[in-house]
Amino acid sequence: MSLALGTLGLTAVVLSVFVYRQSGTPGLRAAGKDALNTFKALAIRLPCALLAASFLVHFVPVDAVSGVLGRDTGMRGIAIAAAAGGFLPGGPMVTFPIAVVLQQSGAGWPQLVALISGWSIFALNRLLTYEAPIMGWRFAILRNLSCLLLPVLAGFGAEFVLVFIEAE
């Protein structure tokens, strides 16, 4: 069992105790029903997304990805990945399989951190669909400009952490 899976399992057990203390068996049943509904939605989408990503690996030119987003691309690759992240379409069911494809095609970890951070912060589809129409362009521009360096800093932070992890 991996550390991540163990942590999730322990978290589920601890939260179930809190739910039971607060709401009893009906609370546990309601939580179980919610979890089952979420599982049903993901049981179809996630395998399809991962299968599509696996097919994409065979079409993405490894040399091209390595040249632009490879580990040795440094600041340029991190900056490109951070900017590209904002243009990735859709939610996590699309974005993370794309990241898997890029990783399998030679993208470096810091570049992938910048890519996912750029997607999280600058998703163009979210900006145009929700943020600007609801909050207004002034807010949208202010938020995006104030966050401009965050994905790049995350990529550099990942590079820094990797130096220590790989040194061990």
C-alpha atoms as a PDB file:
ATOM      1  CA  MET A   1       0.000   0.000   0.000  1.00  0.00           C
ATOM      2  CA  SER A   2       1.311   3.442  -0.866  1.00  0.00           C
ATOM      3  CA  LEU A   3       1.577   6.283   1.624  1.00  0.00           C
ATOM      4  CA  ALA A   4      -1.076   8.256  -0.302  1.00  0.00           C
ATOM      5  CA  LEU A   5      -3.558   5.377  -0.189  1.00  0.00           C
ATOM      6  CA  GLY A   6      -2.872   4.766   3.494  1.00  0.00           C
ATOM      7  CA  THR A   7      -3.388   8.452   4.259  1.00  0.00           C
ATOM      8  CA  LEU A   8      -6.684   8.487   2.346  1.00  0.00           C
ATOM      9  CA  GLY A   9      -7.871   5.362   4.145  1.00  0.00           C
ATOM     10  CA  LEU A  10      -6.957   6.755   7.569  1.00  0.00           C
ATOM     11  CA  THR A  11      -8.644  10.063   6.713  1.00  0.00           C
ATOM     12  CA  ALA A  12     -11.823   8.217   5.694  1.00  0.00           C
ATOM     13  CA  VAL A  13     -11.864   6.273   8.969  1.00  0.00           C
ATOM     14  CA  VAL A  14     -11.305   9.391  11.095  1.00  0.00           C
ATOM     15  CA  LEU A  15     -13.979  11.351   9.219  1.00  0.00           C
ATOM     16  CA  SER A  16     -16.437   8.463   9.516  1.00  0.00           C
ATOM     17  CA  VAL A  17     -16.005   8.572  13.300  1.00  0.00           C
ATOM     18  CA  PHE A  18     -16.765  12.316  13.275  1.00  0.00           C
ATOM     19  CA  VAL A  19     -19.826  11.800  11.080  1.00  0.00           C
ATOM     20  CA  TYR A  20     -21.061   8.949  13.291  1.00  0.00           C
ATOM     21  CA  ARG A  21     -20.646  11.042  16.440  1.00  0.00           C
ATOM     22  CA  GLN A  22     -22.504  13.967  14.895  1.00  0.00           C
ATOM     23  CA  SER A  23     -25.224  12.214  12.841  1.00  0.00           C
ATOM     24  CA  GLY A  24     -25.144   8.538  13.777  1.00  0.00           C
ATOM     25  CA  THR A  25     -25.933   5.745  11.333  1.00  0.00           C
ATOM     26  CA  PRO A  26     -28.135   7.957   9.083  1.00  0.00           C
ATOM     27  CA  GLY A  27     -25.152  10.278   8.567  1.00  0.00           C
ATOM     28  CA  LEU A  28     -22.934   7.348   7.591  1.00  0.00           C
ATOM     29  CA  ARG A  29     -25.592   6.080   5.171  1.00  0.00           C
ATOM     30  CA  ALA A  30     -25.933   9.522   3.560  1.00  0.00           C
ATOM     31  CA  ALA A  31     -22.157   9.821   3.210  1.00  0.00           C
ATOM     32  CA  GLY A  32     -21.986   6.316   1.729  1.00  0.00           C
ATOM     33  CA  LYS A  33     -24.723   7.195  -0.767  1.00  0.00           C
ATOM     34  CA  ASP A  34     -22.857  10.372  -1.781  1.00  0.00           C
ATOM     35  CA  ALA A  35     -19.638   8.393  -2.198  1.00  0.00           C
ATOM     36  CA  LEU A  36     -21.409   5.792  -4.329  1.00  0.00           C
ATOM     37  CA  ASN A  37     -22.869   8.486  -6.596  1.00  0.00           C
ATOM     38  CA  THR A  38     -19.433  10.048  -7.025  1.00  0.00           C
ATOM     39  CA  PHE A  39     -17.945   6.632  -7.736  1.00  0.00           C
ATOM     40  CA  LYS A  40     -20.569   5.956 -10.404  1.00  0.00           C
ATOM     41  CA  ALA A  41     -19.711   9.207 -12.170  1.00  0.00           C
ATOM     42  CA  LEU A  42     -15.972   8.548 -12.011  1.00  0.00           C
ATOM     43  CA  ALA A  43     -16.195   4.836 -12.841  1.00  0.00           C
ATOM     44  CA  ILE A  44     -17.082   5.723 -16.427  1.00  0.00           C
ATOM     45  CA  ARG A  45     -15.132   8.947 -16.929  1.00  0.00           C
ATOM     46  CA  LEU A  46     -11.783   8.097 -15.385  1.00  0.00           C
ATOM     47  CA  PRO A  47     -11.090   4.856 -17.285  1.00  0.00           C
ATOM     48  CA  CYS A  48     -12.108   6.546 -20.552  1.00  0.00           C
ATOM     49  CA  ALA A  49      -9.845   9.518 -19.844  1.00  0.00           C
ATOM     50  CA  LEU A  50      -6.905   7.272 -18.940  1.00  0.00           C
ATOM     51  CA  LEU A  51      -7.464   5.107 -22.012  1.00  0.00           C
ATOM     52  CA  ALA A  52      -7.569   8.182 -24.239  1.00  0.00           C
ATOM     53  CA  ALA A  53      -4.360   9.406 -22.596  1.00  0.00           C
ATOM     54  CA  SER A  54      -2.725   6.043 -23.236  1.00  0.00           C
ATOM     55  CA  PHE A  55      -3.642   6.298 -26.915  1.00  0.00           C
ATOM     56  CA  LEU A  56      -2.300   9.862 -27.056  1.00  0.00           C
ATOM     57  CA  VAL A  57       1.114   8.679 -25.867  1.00  0.00           C
ATOM     58  CA  HIS A  58       1.530   6.925 -29.211  1.00  0.00           C
ATOM     59  CA  PHE A  59       0.816  10.116 -31.183  1.00  0.00           C
ATOM     60  CA  VAL A  60       2.788  12.665 -29.193  1.00  0.00           C
ATOM     61  CA  PRO A  61       6.336  12.980 -30.517  1.00  0.00           C
ATOM     62  CA  VAL A  62       8.650  12.290 -27.577  1.00  0.00           C
ATOM     63  CA  ASP A  63      11.484  14.399 -29.010  1.00  0.00           C
ATOM     64  CA  ALA A  64       9.217  17.419 -29.410  1.00  0.00           C
ATOM     65  CA  VAL A  65       7.944  17.201 -25.820  1.00  0.00           C
ATOM     66  CA  SER A  66      11.440  16.626 -24.430  1.00  0.00           C
ATOM     67  CA  GLY A  67      12.763  19.584 -26.379  1.00  0.00           C
ATOM     68  CA  VAL A  68      10.113  21.971 -25.078  1.00  0.00           C
ATOM     69  CA  LEU A  69       9.129  20.587 -21.658  1.00  0.00           C
ATOM     70  CA  GLY A  70      11.941  18.179 -20.824  1.00  0.00           C
ATOM     71  CA  ARG A  71      13.847  18.239 -17.558  1.00  0.00           C
ATOM     72  CA  ASP A  72      16.780  20.048 -19.171  1.00  0.00           C
ATOM     73  CA  THR A  73      14.679  22.926 -20.536  1.00  0.00           C
ATOM     74  CA  GLY A  74      14.950  24.802 -17.229  1.00  0.00           C
ATOM     75  CA  MET A  75      13.354  28.220 -16.922  1.00  0.00           C
ATOM     76  CA  ARG A  76      12.212  28.292 -20.552  1.00  0.00           C
ATOM     77  CA  GLY A  77      10.381  24.955 -20.204  1.00  0.00           C
ATOM     78  CA  ILE A  78       8.832  25.941 -16.893  1.00  0.00           C
ATOM     79  CA  ALA A  79       7.600  29.249 -18.336  1.00  0.00           C
ATOM     80  CA  ILE A  80       6.170  27.556 -21.434  1.00  0.00           C
ATOM     81  CA  ALA A  81       4.445  24.916 -19.309  1.00  0.00           C
ATOM     82  CA  ALA A  82       3.008  27.546 -16.945  1.00  0.00           C
ATOM     83  CA  ALA A  83       1.571  29.515 -19.873  1.00  0.00           C
ATOM     84  CA  ALA A  84       0.294  26.401 -21.654  1.00  0.00           C
ATOM     85  CA  GLY A  85      -1.490  25.267 -18.502  1.00  0.00           C
ATOM     86  CA  GLY A  86      -3.912  28.172 -18.760  1.00  0.00           C
ATOM     87  CA  PHE A  87      -5.004  26.990 -22.186  1.00  0.00           C
ATOM     88  CA  LEU A  88      -5.698  23.363 -21.253  1.00  0.00           C
ATOM     89  CA  PRO A  89      -9.373  22.637 -21.819  1.00  0.00           C
ATOM     90  CA  GLY A  90     -11.789  21.330 -19.268  1.00  0.00           C
ATOM     91  CA  GLY A  91     -11.464  19.938 -15.809  1.00  0.00           C
ATOM     92  CA  PRO A  92      -9.264  17.366 -14.131  1.00  0.00           C
ATOM     93  CA  MET A  93     -10.619  14.453 -16.192  1.00  0.00           C
ATOM     94  CA  VAL A  94      -9.014  16.054 -19.236  1.00  0.00           C
ATOM     95  CA  THR A  95      -6.040  17.860 -17.726  1.00  0.00           C
ATOM     96  CA  PHE A  96      -4.451  15.096 -15.670  1.00  0.00           C
ATOM     97  CA  PRO A  97      -4.486  12.508 -18.448  1.00  0.00           C
ATOM     98  CA  ILE A  98      -2.833  15.126 -20.674  1.00  0.00           C
ATOM     99  CA  ALA A  99      -0.207  15.621 -17.963  1.00  0.00           C
ATOM    100  CA  VAL A 100       0.345  11.844 -17.838  1.00  0.00           C
ATOM    101  CA  VAL A 101       0.874  11.796 -21.606  1.00  0.00           C
ATOM    102  CA  LEU A 102       3.364  14.646 -21.383  1.00  0.00           C
ATOM    103  CA  GLN A 103       5.205  12.951 -18.523  1.00  0.00           C
ATOM    104  CA  GLN A 104       5.429   9.687 -20.445  1.00  0.00           C
ATOM    105  CA  SER A 105       6.646  11.648 -23.452  1.00  0.00           C
ATOM    106  CA  GLY A 106       9.580  13.183 -21.610  1.00  0.00           C
ATOM    107  CA  ALA A 107       8.285  16.243 -19.756  1.00  0.00           C
ATOM    108  CA  GLY A 108      10.153  17.040 -16.541  1.00  0.00           C
ATOM    109  CA  TRP A 109       8.509  17.111 -13.128  1.00  0.00           C
ATOM    110  CA  PRO A 110       9.085  20.849 -12.553  1.00  0.00           C
ATOM    111  CA  GLN A 111       7.550  21.560 -15.961  1.00  0.00           C
ATOM    112  CA  LEU A 112       4.521  19.413 -15.089  1.00  0.00           C
ATOM    113  CA  VAL A 113       4.141  21.199 -11.755  1.00  0.00           C
ATOM    114  CA  ALA A 114       4.156  24.514 -13.633  1.00  0.00           C
ATOM    115  CA  LEU A 115       1.657  23.155 -16.188  1.00  0.00           C
ATOM    116  CA  ILE A 116      -0.839  21.944 -13.576  1.00  0.00           C
ATOM    117  CA  SER A 117      -0.348  25.132 -11.536  1.00  0.00           C
ATOM    118  CA  GLY A 118      -0.962  27.237 -14.651  1.00  0.00           C
ATOM    119  CA  TRP A 119      -4.119  25.247 -15.351  1.00  0.00           C
ATOM    120  CA  SER A 120      -5.281  25.628 -11.745  1.00  0.00           C
ATOM    121  CA  ILE A 121      -4.728  29.369 -11.657  1.00  0.00           C
ATOM    122  CA  PHE A 122      -5.306  30.585 -15.223  1.00  0.00           C
ATOM    123  CA  ALA A 123      -7.833  28.215 -16.842  1.00  0.00           C
ATOM    124  CA  LEU A 124      -8.985  30.306 -19.789  1.00  0.00           C
ATOM    125  CA  ASN A 125     -12.296  28.462 -20.063  1.00  0.00           C
ATOM    126  CA  ARG A 126     -13.088  29.255 -16.417  1.00  0.00           C
ATOM    127  CA  LEU A 127     -11.980  32.880 -16.843  1.00  0.00           C
ATOM    128  CA  LEU A 128     -14.283  33.436 -19.807  1.00  0.00           C
ATOM    129  CA  THR A 129     -17.213  31.372 -18.536  1.00  0.00           C
ATOM    130  CA  TYR A 130     -17.366  32.252 -14.851  1.00  0.00           C
ATOM    131  CA  GLU A 131     -14.807  34.671 -13.500  1.00  0.00           C
ATOM    132  CA  ALA A 132     -15.130  37.657 -15.847  1.00  0.00           C
ATOM    133  CA  PRO A 133     -18.932  37.428 -16.321  1.00  0.00           C
ATOM    134  CA  ILE A 134     -19.602  37.038 -12.592  1.00  0.00           C
ATOM    135  CA  MET A 135     -16.839  39.087 -10.980  1.00  0.00           C
ATOM    136  CA  GLY A 136     -16.157  41.526 -13.815  1.00  0.00           C
ATOM    137  CA  TRP A 137     -13.130  42.101 -16.013  1.00  0.00           C
ATOM    138  CA  ARG A 138     -11.458  44.426 -13.529  1.00  0.00           C
ATOM    139  CA  PHE A 139     -11.340  41.691 -10.902  1.00  0.00           C
ATOM    140  CA  ALA A 140     -10.364  39.016 -13.423  1.00  0.00           C
ATOM    141  CA  ILE A 141      -7.442  41.071 -14.707  1.00  0.00           C
ATOM    142  CA  LEU A 142      -6.345  42.010 -11.190  1.00  0.00           C
ATOM    143  CA  ARG A 143      -6.411  38.381  -9.994  1.00  0.00           C
ATOM    144  CA  ASN A 144      -4.632  37.013 -13.047  1.00  0.00           C
ATOM    145  CA  LEU A 145      -1.920  39.673 -13.044  1.00  0.00           C
ATOM    146  CA  SER A 146      -1.316  39.257  -9.309  1.00  0.00           C
ATOM    147  CA  CYS A 147      -0.955  35.490  -9.773  1.00  0.00           C
ATOM    148  CA  LEU A 148       1.162  35.694 -12.912  1.00  0.00           C
ATOM    149  CA  LEU A 149       4.383  34.344 -11.417  1.00  0.00           C
ATOM    150  CA  LEU A 150       2.859  31.654  -9.185  1.00  0.00           C
ATOM    151  CA  PRO A 151       2.995  28.724 -11.656  1.00  0.00           C
ATOM    152  CA  VAL A 152       6.581  29.603 -12.571  1.00  0.00           C
ATOM    153  CA  LEU A 153       7.520  29.819  -8.895  1.00  0.00           C
ATOM    154  CA  ALA A 154       5.845  26.451  -8.314  1.00  0.00           C
ATOM    155  CA  GLY A 155       7.938  24.953 -11.111  1.00  0.00           C
ATOM    156  CA  PHE A 156      11.124  26.390  -9.606  1.00  0.00           C
ATOM    157  CA  GLY A 157      10.022  25.172  -6.189  1.00  0.00           C
ATOM    158  CA  ALA A 158       9.627  21.680  -7.617  1.00  0.00           C
ATOM    159  CA  GLU A 159      13.099  21.932  -9.149  1.00  0.00           C
ATOM    160  CA  PHE A 160      14.485  22.958  -5.754  1.00  0.00           C
ATOM    161  CA  VAL A 161      12.736  20.070  -3.948  1.00  0.00           C
ATOM    162  CA  LEU A 162      13.940  17.582  -6.553  1.00  0.00           C
ATOM    163  CA  VAL A 163      17.551  18.559  -5.844  1.00  0.00           C
ATOM    164  CA  PHE A 164      17.115  17.370  -2.260  1.00  0.00           C
ATOM    165  CA  ILE A 165      15.060  14.277  -3.104  1.00  0.00           C
ATOM    166  CA  GLU A 166      17.493  13.097  -5.741  1.00  0.00           C
ATOM    167  CA  ALA A 167      20.505  13.791  -3.507  1.00  0.00           C
ATOM    168  CA  GLU A 168      19.370  11.132  -1.033  1.00  0.00           C
END
